PDB file of all heavy atoms in Angstrom:
ATOM      1  N   ALA A   1       0.950 -19.446   8.432  1.00  0.00           N
ATOM      2  CA  ALA A   1       1.278 -18.076   8.013  1.00  0.00           C
ATOM      3  C   ALA A   1       0.019 -17.256   7.771  1.00  0.00           C
ATOM      4  O   ALA A   1      -1.001 -17.755   7.282  1.00  0.00           O
ATOM      5  CB  ALA A   1       2.119 -18.107   6.747  1.00  0.00           C
ATOM      6  N   LEU A   2       0.100 -15.983   8.119  1.00  0.00           N
ATOM      7  CA  LEU A   2      -0.980 -15.036   7.839  1.00  0.00           C
ATOM      8  C   LEU A   2      -0.746 -14.396   6.478  1.00  0.00           C
ATOM      9  O   LEU A   2       0.391 -14.117   6.099  1.00  0.00           O
ATOM     10  CB  LEU A   2      -1.023 -13.949   8.918  1.00  0.00           C
ATOM     11  CG  LEU A   2      -1.328 -14.410  10.353  1.00  0.00           C
ATOM     12  CD1 LEU A   2      -1.178 -13.243  11.313  1.00  0.00           C
ATOM     13  CD2 LEU A   2      -2.721 -15.010  10.442  1.00  0.00           C
ATOM     14  N   GLU A   3      -1.828 -14.172   5.735  1.00  0.00           N
ATOM     15  CA  GLU A   3      -1.743 -13.542   4.424  1.00  0.00           C
ATOM     16  C   GLU A   3      -1.736 -12.028   4.574  1.00  0.00           C
ATOM     17  O   GLU A   3      -2.628 -11.454   5.211  1.00  0.00           O
ATOM     18  CB  GLU A   3      -2.916 -13.967   3.545  1.00  0.00           C
ATOM     19  CG  GLU A   3      -2.862 -15.399   3.064  1.00  0.00           C
ATOM     20  CD  GLU A   3      -1.808 -15.599   1.988  1.00  0.00           C
ATOM     21  OE1 GLU A   3      -1.484 -14.616   1.297  1.00  0.00           O
ATOM     22  OE2 GLU A   3      -1.318 -16.731   1.852  1.00  0.00           O
ATOM     23  N   VAL A   4      -0.715 -11.391   3.996  1.00  0.00           N
ATOM     24  CA  VAL A   4      -0.614  -9.938   4.051  1.00  0.00           C
ATOM     25  C   VAL A   4      -1.855  -9.299   3.426  1.00  0.00           C
ATOM     26  O   VAL A   4      -2.335  -9.749   2.379  1.00  0.00           O
ATOM     27  CB  VAL A   4       0.670  -9.458   3.336  1.00  0.00           C
ATOM     28  CG1 VAL A   4       0.738  -7.937   3.307  1.00  0.00           C
ATOM     29  CG2 VAL A   4       1.907 -10.029   4.019  1.00  0.00           C
ATOM     30  N   ASP A   5      -2.393  -8.267   4.100  1.00  0.00           N
ATOM     31  CA  ASP A   5      -3.567  -7.493   3.667  1.00  0.00           C
ATOM     32  C   ASP A   5      -4.899  -8.205   3.930  1.00  0.00           C
ATOM     33  O   ASP A   5      -5.962  -7.632   3.651  1.00  0.00           O
ATOM     34  CB  ASP A   5      -3.488  -7.087   2.189  1.00  0.00           C
ATOM     35  CG  ASP A   5      -2.422  -6.028   1.943  1.00  0.00           C
ATOM     36  OD1 ASP A   5      -2.129  -5.275   2.889  1.00  0.00           O
ATOM     37  OD2 ASP A   5      -1.887  -5.968   0.832  1.00  0.00           O
ATOM     38  N   ASP A   6      -4.854  -9.434   4.466  1.00  0.00           N
ATOM     39  CA  ASP A   6      -6.115 -10.067   4.868  1.00  0.00           C
ATOM     40  C   ASP A   6      -6.724  -9.284   6.038  1.00  0.00           C
ATOM     41  O   ASP A   6      -6.001  -8.812   6.924  1.00  0.00           O
ATOM     42  CB  ASP A   6      -5.878 -11.514   5.308  1.00  0.00           C
ATOM     43  CG  ASP A   6      -5.976 -12.487   4.140  1.00  0.00           C
ATOM     44  OD1 ASP A   6      -6.148 -12.011   3.007  1.00  0.00           O
ATOM     45  OD2 ASP A   6      -5.877 -13.707   4.377  1.00  0.00           O
ATOM     46  N   VAL A   7      -8.042  -9.156   6.053  1.00  0.00           N
ATOM     47  CA  VAL A   7      -8.733  -8.482   7.149  1.00  0.00           C
ATOM     48  C   VAL A   7      -9.306  -9.551   8.084  1.00  0.00           C
ATOM     49  O   VAL A   7     -10.111 -10.390   7.662  1.00  0.00           O
ATOM     50  CB  VAL A   7      -9.853  -7.564   6.631  1.00  0.00           C
ATOM     51  CG1 VAL A   7     -10.606  -6.944   7.807  1.00  0.00           C
ATOM     52  CG2 VAL A   7      -9.273  -6.468   5.735  1.00  0.00           C
ATOM     53  N   LEU A   8      -8.872  -9.530   9.336  1.00  0.00           N
ATOM     54  CA  LEU A   8      -9.303 -10.514  10.325  1.00  0.00           C
ATOM     55  C   LEU A   8     -10.319  -9.883  11.281  1.00  0.00           C
ATOM     56  O   LEU A   8     -10.130  -8.750  11.738  1.00  0.00           O
ATOM     57  CB  LEU A   8      -8.105 -11.027  11.130  1.00  0.00           C
ATOM     58  CG  LEU A   8      -6.900 -11.537  10.340  1.00  0.00           C
ATOM     59  CD1 LEU A   8      -5.814 -12.023  11.290  1.00  0.00           C
ATOM     60  CD2 LEU A   8      -7.312 -12.641   9.374  1.00  0.00           C
ATOM     61  N   LEU A   9     -11.376 -10.616  11.558  1.00  0.00           N
ATOM     62  CA  LEU A   9     -12.364 -10.195  12.555  1.00  0.00           C
ATOM     63  C   LEU A   9     -12.105 -11.022  13.801  1.00  0.00           C
ATOM     64  O   LEU A   9     -12.446 -12.212  13.869  1.00  0.00           O
ATOM     65  CB  LEU A   9     -13.780 -10.407  12.029  1.00  0.00           C
ATOM     66  CG  LEU A   9     -14.125  -9.662  10.738  1.00  0.00           C
ATOM     67  CD1 LEU A   9     -15.538  -9.999  10.279  1.00  0.00           C
ATOM     68  CD2 LEU A   9     -13.969  -8.152  10.937  1.00  0.00           C
ATOM     69  N   ILE A  10     -11.481 -10.391  14.811  1.00  0.00           N
ATOM     70  CA  ILE A  10     -10.971 -11.119  15.976  1.00  0.00           C
ATOM     71  C   ILE A  10     -11.821 -10.803  17.202  1.00  0.00           C
ATOM     72  O   ILE A  10     -12.072  -9.633  17.532  1.00  0.00           O
ATOM     73  CB  ILE A  10      -9.500 -10.740  16.227  1.00  0.00           C
ATOM     74  CG1 ILE A  10      -8.656 -11.065  14.989  1.00  0.00           C
ATOM     75  CG2 ILE A  10      -8.951 -11.482  17.446  1.00  0.00           C
ATOM     76  CD1 ILE A  10      -7.227 -10.584  15.076  1.00  0.00           C
ATOM     77  N   GLU A  11     -12.240 -11.863  17.881  1.00  0.00           N
ATOM     78  CA  GLU A  11     -13.015 -11.719  19.112  1.00  0.00           C
ATOM     79  C   GLU A  11     -12.096 -11.293  20.258  1.00  0.00           C
ATOM     80  O   GLU A  11     -11.085 -11.923  20.518  1.00  0.00           O
ATOM     81  CB  GLU A  11     -13.679 -13.051  19.475  1.00  0.00           C
ATOM     82  CG  GLU A  11     -14.794 -13.480  18.532  1.00  0.00           C
ATOM     83  CD  GLU A  11     -16.095 -12.740  18.799  1.00  0.00           C
ATOM     84  OE1 GLU A  11     -16.157 -12.011  19.821  1.00  0.00           O
ATOM     85  OE2 GLU A  11     -17.037 -12.878  17.996  1.00  0.00           O
ATOM     86  N   THR A  12     -12.428 -10.179  20.917  1.00  0.00           N
ATOM     87  CA  THR A  12     -11.685  -9.721  22.091  1.00  0.00           C
ATOM     88  C   THR A  12     -12.668  -9.507  23.246  1.00  0.00           C
ATOM     89  O   THR A  12     -13.885  -9.630  23.073  1.00  0.00           O
ATOM     90  CB  THR A  12     -10.940  -8.403  21.803  1.00  0.00           C
ATOM     91  OG1 THR A  12     -11.897  -7.344  21.674  1.00  0.00           O
ATOM     92  CG2 THR A  12     -10.108  -8.490  20.530  1.00  0.00           C
ATOM     93  N   ASP A  13     -12.134  -9.167  24.408  1.00  0.00           N
ATOM     94  CA  ASP A  13     -12.993  -8.902  25.568  1.00  0.00           C
ATOM     95  C   ASP A  13     -13.898  -7.701  25.344  1.00  0.00           C
ATOM     96  O   ASP A  13     -14.949  -7.561  25.998  1.00  0.00           O
ATOM     97  CB  ASP A  13     -12.133  -8.670  26.817  1.00  0.00           C
ATOM     98  CG  ASP A  13     -11.387  -9.921  27.235  1.00  0.00           C
ATOM     99  OD1 ASP A  13     -11.834 -11.020  26.854  1.00  0.00           O
ATOM    100  OD2 ASP A  13     -10.347  -9.805  27.932  1.00  0.00           O
ATOM    101  N   GLU A  14     -13.514  -6.824  24.445  1.00  0.00           N
ATOM    102  CA  GLU A  14     -14.276  -5.600  24.187  1.00  0.00           C
ATOM    103  C   GLU A  14     -15.120  -5.702  22.921  1.00  0.00           C
ATOM    104  O   GLU A  14     -15.640  -4.708  22.434  1.00  0.00           O
ATOM    105  CB  GLU A  14     -13.318  -4.407  24.088  1.00  0.00           C
ATOM    106  CG  GLU A  14     -12.517  -4.177  25.370  1.00  0.00           C
ATOM    107  CD  GLU A  14     -11.520  -3.043  25.232  1.00  0.00           C
ATOM    108  OE1 GLU A  14     -11.420  -2.479  24.108  1.00  0.00           O
ATOM    109  OE2 GLU A  14     -10.852  -2.720  26.223  1.00  0.00           O
ATOM    110  N   GLY A  15     -15.202  -6.917  22.365  1.00  0.00           N
ATOM    111  CA  GLY A  15     -15.980  -7.105  21.155  1.00  0.00           C
ATOM    112  C   GLY A  15     -15.105  -7.514  19.978  1.00  0.00           C
ATOM    113  O   GLY A  15     -13.925  -7.847  20.135  1.00  0.00           O
ATOM    114  N   VAL A  16     -15.691  -7.468  18.796  1.00  0.00           N
ATOM    115  CA  VAL A  16     -14.975  -7.873  17.582  1.00  0.00           C
ATOM    116  C   VAL A  16     -14.103  -6.723  17.095  1.00  0.00           C
ATOM    117  O   VAL A  16     -14.557  -5.587  16.952  1.00  0.00           O
ATOM    118  CB  VAL A  16     -15.962  -8.300  16.485  1.00  0.00           C
ATOM    119  CG1 VAL A  16     -15.189  -8.643  15.209  1.00  0.00           C
ATOM    120  CG2 VAL A  16     -16.787  -9.492  16.945  1.00  0.00           C
ATOM    121  N   VAL A  17     -12.811  -7.043  16.839  1.00  0.00           N
ATOM    122  CA  VAL A  17     -11.864  -6.050  16.331  1.00  0.00           C
ATOM    123  C   VAL A  17     -11.490  -6.419  14.900  1.00  0.00           C
ATOM    124  O   VAL A  17     -11.218  -7.583  14.599  1.00  0.00           O
ATOM    125  CB  VAL A  17     -10.594  -6.004  17.212  1.00  0.00           C
ATOM    126  CG1 VAL A  17      -9.529  -5.107  16.574  1.00  0.00           C
ATOM    127  CG2 VAL A  17     -10.943  -5.507  18.612  1.00  0.00           C
ATOM    128  N   GLU A  18     -11.509  -5.417  14.038  1.00  0.00           N
ATOM    129  CA  GLU A  18     -11.095  -5.625  12.648  1.00  0.00           C
ATOM    130  C   GLU A  18      -9.615  -5.312  12.523  1.00  0.00           C
ATOM    131  O   GLU A  18      -9.165  -4.229  12.908  1.00  0.00           O
ATOM    132  CB  GLU A  18     -11.919  -4.731  11.727  1.00  0.00           C
ATOM    133  CG  GLU A  18     -11.639  -4.967  10.246  1.00  0.00           C
ATOM    134  CD  GLU A  18     -12.521  -4.106   9.356  1.00  0.00           C
ATOM    135  OE1 GLU A  18     -13.729  -4.391   9.262  1.00  0.00           O
ATOM    136  OE2 GLU A  18     -11.979  -3.120   8.803  1.00  0.00           O
ATOM    137  N   TYR A  19      -8.841  -6.257  11.995  1.00  0.00           N
ATOM    138  CA  TYR A  19      -7.382  -6.069  11.905  1.00  0.00           C
ATOM    139  C   TYR A  19      -6.895  -6.472  10.514  1.00  0.00           C
ATOM    140  O   TYR A  19      -7.220  -7.557  10.029  1.00  0.00           O
ATOM    141  CB  TYR A  19      -6.674  -6.901  12.970  1.00  0.00           C
ATOM    142  CG  TYR A  19      -5.159  -6.754  12.950  1.00  0.00           C
ATOM    143  CD1 TYR A  19      -4.542  -5.708  13.615  1.00  0.00           C
ATOM    144  CD2 TYR A  19      -4.365  -7.642  12.239  1.00  0.00           C
ATOM    145  CE1 TYR A  19      -3.166  -5.549  13.588  1.00  0.00           C
ATOM    146  CE2 TYR A  19      -2.983  -7.500  12.198  1.00  0.00           C
ATOM    147  CZ  TYR A  19      -2.391  -6.450  12.880  1.00  0.00           C
ATOM    148  OH  TYR A  19      -1.018  -6.300  12.844  1.00  0.00           O
ATOM    149  N   ARG A  20      -6.126  -5.595   9.884  1.00  0.00           N
ATOM    150  CA  ARG A  20      -5.535  -5.888   8.575  1.00  0.00           C
ATOM    151  C   ARG A  20      -4.105  -6.384   8.778  1.00  0.00           C
ATOM    152  O   ARG A  20      -3.291  -5.709   9.406  1.00  0.00           O
ATOM    153  CB  ARG A  20      -5.553  -4.652   7.681  1.00  0.00           C
ATOM    154  CG  ARG A  20      -5.016  -4.930   6.261  1.00  0.00           C
ATOM    155  CD  ARG A  20      -5.085  -3.671   5.401  1.00  0.00           C
ATOM    156  NE  ARG A  20      -6.453  -3.271   5.157  1.00  0.00           N
ATOM    157  CZ  ARG A  20      -7.223  -3.752   4.182  1.00  0.00           C
ATOM    158  NH1 ARG A  20      -6.726  -4.667   3.351  1.00  0.00           N
ATOM    159  NH2 ARG A  20      -8.458  -3.326   4.031  1.00  0.00           N
ATOM    160  N   VAL A  21      -3.810  -7.539   8.238  1.00  0.00           N
ATOM    161  CA  VAL A  21      -2.487  -8.157   8.419  1.00  0.00           C
ATOM    162  C   VAL A  21      -1.426  -7.348   7.694  1.00  0.00           C
ATOM    163  O   VAL A  21      -1.580  -6.993   6.519  1.00  0.00           O
ATOM    164  CB  VAL A  21      -2.490  -9.610   7.898  1.00  0.00           C
ATOM    165  CG1 VAL A  21      -1.101 -10.237   8.049  1.00  0.00           C
ATOM    166  CG2 VAL A  21      -3.530 -10.441   8.629  1.00  0.00           C
ATOM    167  N   ARG A  22      -0.343  -7.050   8.420  1.00  0.00           N
ATOM    168  CA  ARG A  22       0.771  -6.297   7.849  1.00  0.00           C
ATOM    169  C   ARG A  22       1.908  -7.245   7.486  1.00  0.00           C
ATOM    170  O   ARG A  22       1.973  -8.376   7.954  1.00  0.00           O
ATOM    171  CB  ARG A  22       1.288  -5.268   8.861  1.00  0.00           C
ATOM    172  CG  ARG A  22       0.210  -4.400   9.480  1.00  0.00           C
ATOM    173  CD  ARG A  22       0.770  -3.602  10.640  1.00  0.00           C
ATOM    174  NE  ARG A  22      -0.277  -3.004  11.456  1.00  0.00           N
ATOM    175  CZ  ARG A  22      -0.059  -2.363  12.584  1.00  0.00           C
ATOM    176  NH1 ARG A  22       1.175  -2.247  13.044  1.00  0.00           N
ATOM    177  NH2 ARG A  22      -1.062  -1.847  13.270  1.00  0.00           N
ATOM    178  N   ARG A  23       2.820  -6.764   6.642  1.00  0.00           N
ATOM    179  CA  ARG A  23       3.984  -7.568   6.294  1.00  0.00           C
ATOM    180  C   ARG A  23       4.819  -7.816   7.552  1.00  0.00           C
ATOM    181  O   ARG A  23       5.103  -6.901   8.311  1.00  0.00           O
ATOM    182  CB  ARG A  23       4.830  -6.868   5.233  1.00  0.00           C
ATOM    183  CG  ARG A  23       6.069  -7.669   4.815  1.00  0.00           C
ATOM    184  CD  ARG A  23       6.730  -7.105   3.579  1.00  0.00           C
ATOM    185  NE  ARG A  23       5.982  -7.476   2.378  1.00  0.00           N
ATOM    186  CZ  ARG A  23       5.365  -6.626   1.587  1.00  0.00           C
ATOM    187  NH1 ARG A  23       5.397  -5.349   1.852  1.00  0.00           N
ATOM    188  NH2 ARG A  23       4.709  -7.045   0.520  1.00  0.00           N
ATOM    189  N   GLY A  24       5.206  -9.059   7.771  1.00  0.00           N
ATOM    190  CA  GLY A  24       5.988  -9.403   8.947  1.00  0.00           C
ATOM    191  C   GLY A  24       5.157  -9.879  10.115  1.00  0.00           C
ATOM    192  O   GLY A  24       5.703 -10.353  11.119  1.00  0.00           O
ATOM    193  N   ASP A  25       3.823  -9.774  10.013  1.00  0.00           N
ATOM    194  CA  ASP A  25       2.950 -10.235  11.093  1.00  0.00           C
ATOM    195  C   ASP A  25       2.949 -11.764  11.163  1.00  0.00           C
ATOM    196  O   ASP A  25       2.948 -12.449  10.136  1.00  0.00           O
ATOM    197  CB  ASP A  25       1.512  -9.758  10.865  1.00  0.00           C
ATOM    198  CG  ASP A  25       1.275  -8.349  11.388  1.00  0.00           C
ATOM    199  OD1 ASP A  25       2.166  -7.831  12.077  1.00  0.00           O
ATOM    200  OD2 ASP A  25       0.213  -7.778  11.086  1.00  0.00           O
ATOM    201  N   SER A  26       2.916 -12.282  12.372  1.00  0.00           N
ATOM    202  CA  SER A  26       2.689 -13.699  12.631  1.00  0.00           C
ATOM    203  C   SER A  26       1.527 -13.804  13.612  1.00  0.00           C
ATOM    204  O   SER A  26       1.050 -12.784  14.143  1.00  0.00           O
ATOM    205  CB  SER A  26       3.942 -14.349  13.226  1.00  0.00           C
ATOM    206  OG  SER A  26       4.234 -13.785  14.501  1.00  0.00           O
ATOM    207  N   VAL A  27       1.082 -15.020  13.856  1.00  0.00           N
ATOM    208  CA  VAL A  27      -0.007 -15.205  14.820  1.00  0.00           C
ATOM    209  C   VAL A  27       0.396 -14.641  16.178  1.00  0.00           C
ATOM    210  O   VAL A  27      -0.378 -13.947  16.849  1.00  0.00           O
ATOM    211  CB  VAL A  27      -0.359 -16.703  14.940  1.00  0.00           C
ATOM    212  CG1 VAL A  27      -1.315 -16.934  16.114  1.00  0.00           C
ATOM    213  CG2 VAL A  27      -0.982 -17.204  13.646  1.00  0.00           C
ATOM    214  N   GLU A  28       1.652 -14.919  16.583  1.00  0.00           N
ATOM    215  CA  GLU A  28       2.139 -14.446  17.872  1.00  0.00           C
ATOM    216  C   GLU A  28       2.189 -12.925  17.937  1.00  0.00           C
ATOM    217  O   GLU A  28       1.789 -12.310  18.946  1.00  0.00           O
ATOM    218  CB  GLU A  28       3.529 -15.022  18.162  1.00  0.00           C
ATOM    219  CG  GLU A  28       3.566 -16.524  18.392  1.00  0.00           C
ATOM    220  CD  GLU A  28       3.435 -17.323  17.103  1.00  0.00           C
ATOM    221  OE1 GLU A  28       3.509 -16.720  16.010  1.00  0.00           O
ATOM    222  OE2 GLU A  28       3.241 -18.545  17.192  1.00  0.00           O
ATOM    223  N   VAL A  29       2.654 -12.305  16.858  1.00  0.00           N
ATOM    224  CA  VAL A  29       2.771 -10.840  16.831  1.00  0.00           C
ATOM    225  C   VAL A  29       1.399 -10.187  16.962  1.00  0.00           C
ATOM    226  O   VAL A  29       1.200  -9.251  17.746  1.00  0.00           O
ATOM    227  CB  VAL A  29       3.483 -10.381  15.537  1.00  0.00           C
ATOM    228  CG1 VAL A  29       3.352  -8.864  15.364  1.00  0.00           C
ATOM    229  CG2 VAL A  29       4.955 -10.776  15.554  1.00  0.00           C
ATOM    230  N   VAL A  30       0.428 -10.680  16.185  1.00  0.00           N
ATOM    231  CA  VAL A  30      -0.917 -10.098  16.222  1.00  0.00           C
ATOM    232  C   VAL A  30      -1.565 -10.341  17.582  1.00  0.00           C
ATOM    233  O   VAL A  30      -2.226  -9.447  18.143  1.00  0.00           O
ATOM    234  CB  VAL A  30      -1.791 -10.680  15.095  1.00  0.00           C
ATOM    235  CG1 VAL A  30      -3.221 -10.155  15.202  1.00  0.00           C
ATOM    236  CG2 VAL A  30      -1.197 -10.317  13.740  1.00  0.00           C
ATOM    237  N   ALA A  31      -1.374 -11.537  18.149  1.00  0.00           N
ATOM    238  CA  ALA A  31      -1.950 -11.841  19.455  1.00  0.00           C
ATOM    239  C   ALA A  31      -1.412 -10.901  20.530  1.00  0.00           C
ATOM    240  O   ALA A  31      -2.170 -10.379  21.366  1.00  0.00           O
ATOM    241  CB  ALA A  31      -1.663 -13.297  19.824  1.00  0.00           C
ATOM    242  N   ASN A  32      -0.109 -10.660  20.499  1.00  0.00           N
ATOM    243  CA  ASN A  32       0.491  -9.747  21.483  1.00  0.00           C
ATOM    244  C   ASN A  32       0.047  -8.311  21.251  1.00  0.00           C
ATOM    245  O   ASN A  32      -0.184  -7.552  22.207  1.00  0.00           O
ATOM    246  CB  ASN A  32       2.015  -9.837  21.413  1.00  0.00           C
ATOM    247  CG  ASN A  32       2.539 -11.171  21.907  1.00  0.00           C
ATOM    248  OD1 ASN A  32       1.888 -11.832  22.711  1.00  0.00           O
ATOM    249  ND2 ASN A  32       3.710 -11.575  21.428  1.00  0.00           N
ATOM    250  N   ARG A  33      -0.090  -7.929  19.981  1.00  0.00           N
ATOM    251  CA  ARG A  33      -0.460  -6.552  19.661  1.00  0.00           C
ATOM    252  C   ARG A  33      -1.879  -6.241  20.133  1.00  0.00           C
ATOM    253  O   ARG A  33      -2.157  -5.133  20.617  1.00  0.00           O
ATOM    254  CB  ARG A  33      -0.328  -6.324  18.154  1.00  0.00           C
ATOM    255  CG  ARG A  33      -0.592  -4.909  17.700  1.00  0.00           C
ATOM    256  CD  ARG A  33      -0.257  -4.760  16.222  1.00  0.00           C
ATOM    257  NE  ARG A  33       1.185  -4.822  16.016  1.00  0.00           N
ATOM    258  CZ  ARG A  33       1.773  -5.256  14.901  1.00  0.00           C
ATOM    259  NH1 ARG A  33       1.034  -5.693  13.903  1.00  0.00           N
ATOM    260  NH2 ARG A  33       3.079  -5.259  14.798  1.00  0.00           N
ATOM    261  N   LEU A  34      -2.777  -7.204  20.011  1.00  0.00           N
ATOM    262  CA  LEU A  34      -4.181  -6.975  20.373  1.00  0.00           C
ATOM    263  C   LEU A  34      -4.523  -7.514  21.755  1.00  0.00           C
ATOM    264  O   LEU A  34      -5.673  -7.382  22.205  1.00  0.00           O
ATOM    265  CB  LEU A  34      -5.099  -7.629  19.334  1.00  0.00           C
ATOM    266  CG  LEU A  34      -4.951  -7.142  17.886  1.00  0.00           C
ATOM    267  CD1 LEU A  34      -5.945  -7.855  16.983  1.00  0.00           C
ATOM    268  CD2 LEU A  34      -5.144  -5.640  17.801  1.00  0.00           C
ATOM    269  N   ASP A  35      -3.516  -8.139  22.408  1.00  0.00           N
ATOM    270  CA  ASP A  35      -3.711  -8.716  23.731  1.00  0.00           C
ATOM    271  C   ASP A  35      -4.851  -9.741  23.721  1.00  0.00           C
ATOM    272  O   ASP A  35      -5.784  -9.695  24.534  1.00  0.00           O
ATOM    273  CB  ASP A  35      -4.001  -7.618  24.771  1.00  0.00           C
ATOM    274  CG  ASP A  35      -3.876  -8.147  26.209  1.00  0.00           C
ATOM    275  OD1 ASP A  35      -3.177  -9.167  26.388  1.00  0.00           O
ATOM    276  OD2 ASP A  35      -4.471  -7.546  27.116  1.00  0.00           O
ATOM    277  N   VAL A  36      -4.756 -10.677  22.755  1.00  0.00           N
ATOM    278  CA  VAL A  36      -5.733 -11.763  22.665  1.00  0.00           C
ATOM    279  C   VAL A  36      -4.969 -13.076  22.591  1.00  0.00           C
ATOM    280  O   VAL A  36      -3.744 -13.107  22.473  1.00  0.00           O
ATOM    281  CB  VAL A  36      -6.637 -11.615  21.413  1.00  0.00           C
ATOM    282  CG1 VAL A  36      -7.461 -10.343  21.510  1.00  0.00           C
ATOM    283  CG2 VAL A  36      -5.807 -11.625  20.138  1.00  0.00           C
ATOM    284  N   SER A  37      -5.672 -14.176  22.646  1.00  0.00           N
ATOM    285  CA  SER A  37      -5.021 -15.482  22.558  1.00  0.00           C
ATOM    286  C   SER A  37      -4.622 -15.785  21.121  1.00  0.00           C
ATOM    287  O   SER A  37      -5.214 -15.250  20.171  1.00  0.00           O
ATOM    288  CB  SER A  37      -5.945 -16.576  23.075  1.00  0.00           C
ATOM    289  OG  SER A  37      -7.036 -16.751  22.185  1.00  0.00           O
ATOM    290  N   ARG A  38      -3.658 -16.665  20.980  1.00  0.00           N
ATOM    291  CA  ARG A  38      -3.252 -17.083  19.632  1.00  0.00           C
ATOM    292  C   ARG A  38      -4.374 -17.838  18.938  1.00  0.00           C
ATOM    293  O   ARG A  38      -4.538 -17.734  17.714  1.00  0.00           O
ATOM    294  CB  ARG A  38      -1.995 -17.957  19.725  1.00  0.00           C
ATOM    295  CG  ARG A  38      -0.785 -17.217  20.298  1.00  0.00           C
ATOM    296  CD  ARG A  38       0.404 -18.146  20.444  1.00  0.00           C
ATOM    297  NE  ARG A  38       1.532 -17.466  21.078  1.00  0.00           N
ATOM    298  CZ  ARG A  38       2.694 -18.039  21.348  1.00  0.00           C
ATOM    299  NH1 ARG A  38       2.889 -19.312  21.046  1.00  0.00           N
ATOM    300  NH2 ARG A  38       3.661 -17.344  21.921  1.00  0.00           N
ATOM    301  N   ASP A  39      -5.146 -18.599  19.721  1.00  0.00           N
ATOM    302  CA  ASP A  39      -6.268 -19.334  19.128  1.00  0.00           C
ATOM    303  C   ASP A  39      -7.284 -18.388  18.507  1.00  0.00           C
ATOM    304  O   ASP A  39      -7.865 -18.677  17.452  1.00  0.00           O
ATOM    305  CB  ASP A  39      -6.955 -20.194  20.190  1.00  0.00           C
ATOM    306  CG  ASP A  39      -6.116 -21.412  20.574  1.00  0.00           C
ATOM    307  OD1 ASP A  39      -5.225 -21.782  19.780  1.00  0.00           O
ATOM    308  OD2 ASP A  39      -6.332 -21.975  21.666  1.00  0.00           O
ATOM    309  N   ALA A  40      -7.479 -17.222  19.129  1.00  0.00           N
ATOM    310  CA  ALA A  40      -8.434 -16.249  18.583  1.00  0.00           C
ATOM    311  C   ALA A  40      -7.965 -15.739  17.229  1.00  0.00           C
ATOM    312  O   ALA A  40      -8.769 -15.567  16.299  1.00  0.00           O
ATOM    313  CB  ALA A  40      -8.612 -15.082  19.561  1.00  0.00           C
ATOM    314  N   VAL A  41      -6.659 -15.500  17.112  1.00  0.00           N
ATOM    315  CA  VAL A  41      -6.105 -15.030  15.826  1.00  0.00           C
ATOM    316  C   VAL A  41      -6.197 -16.134  14.786  1.00  0.00           C
ATOM    317  O   VAL A  41      -6.583 -15.904  13.634  1.00  0.00           O
ATOM    318  CB  VAL A  41      -4.643 -14.574  16.008  1.00  0.00           C
ATOM    319  CG1 VAL A  41      -4.064 -14.126  14.669  1.00  0.00           C
ATOM    320  CG2 VAL A  41      -4.550 -13.436  17.026  1.00  0.00           C
ATOM    321  N   ARG A  42      -5.839 -17.363  15.176  1.00  0.00           N
ATOM    322  CA  ARG A  42      -5.895 -18.474  14.231  1.00  0.00           C
ATOM    323  C   ARG A  42      -7.322 -18.731  13.758  1.00  0.00           C
ATOM    324  O   ARG A  42      -7.561 -18.995  12.575  1.00  0.00           O
ATOM    325  CB  ARG A  42      -5.310 -19.739  14.869  1.00  0.00           C
ATOM    326  CG  ARG A  42      -3.786 -19.816  14.772  1.00  0.00           C
ATOM    327  CD  ARG A  42      -3.290 -21.182  15.175  1.00  0.00           C
ATOM    328  NE  ARG A  42      -3.388 -21.390  16.618  1.00  0.00           N
ATOM    329  CZ  ARG A  42      -2.417 -21.115  17.476  1.00  0.00           C
ATOM    330  NH1 ARG A  42      -1.276 -20.621  17.030  1.00  0.00           N
ATOM    331  NH2 ARG A  42      -2.582 -21.344  18.761  1.00  0.00           N
ATOM    332  N   ASP A  43      -8.283 -18.656  14.670  1.00  0.00           N
ATOM    333  CA  ASP A  43      -9.680 -18.877  14.283  1.00  0.00           C
ATOM    334  C   ASP A  43     -10.132 -17.817  13.285  1.00  0.00           C
ATOM    335  O   ASP A  43     -10.826 -18.119  12.309  1.00  0.00           O
ATOM    336  CB  ASP A  43     -10.582 -18.846  15.518  1.00  0.00           C
ATOM    337  CG  ASP A  43     -10.373 -20.065  16.412  1.00  0.00           C
ATOM    338  OD1 ASP A  43      -9.789 -21.055  15.924  1.00  0.00           O
ATOM    339  OD2 ASP A  43     -10.767 -20.015  17.599  1.00  0.00           O
ATOM    340  N   ALA A  44      -9.736 -16.567  13.516  1.00  0.00           N
ATOM    341  CA  ALA A  44     -10.130 -15.478  12.613  1.00  0.00           C
ATOM    342  C   ALA A  44      -9.505 -15.651  11.232  1.00  0.00           C
ATOM    343  O   ALA A  44     -10.111 -15.289  10.217  1.00  0.00           O
ATOM    344  CB  ALA A  44      -9.727 -14.141  13.215  1.00  0.00           C
TER     345      ALA A  44
END
């Protein structure tokens, strides 16, 4: 589970993206939203 309001620094093809976890977010949701792999979200 992702912690609500946590700030994740996620590696993408365009560089590091800062993302604040929203209520209802899961690893899959964030990965699809940012078009990155699930492993990238989990690592962050």
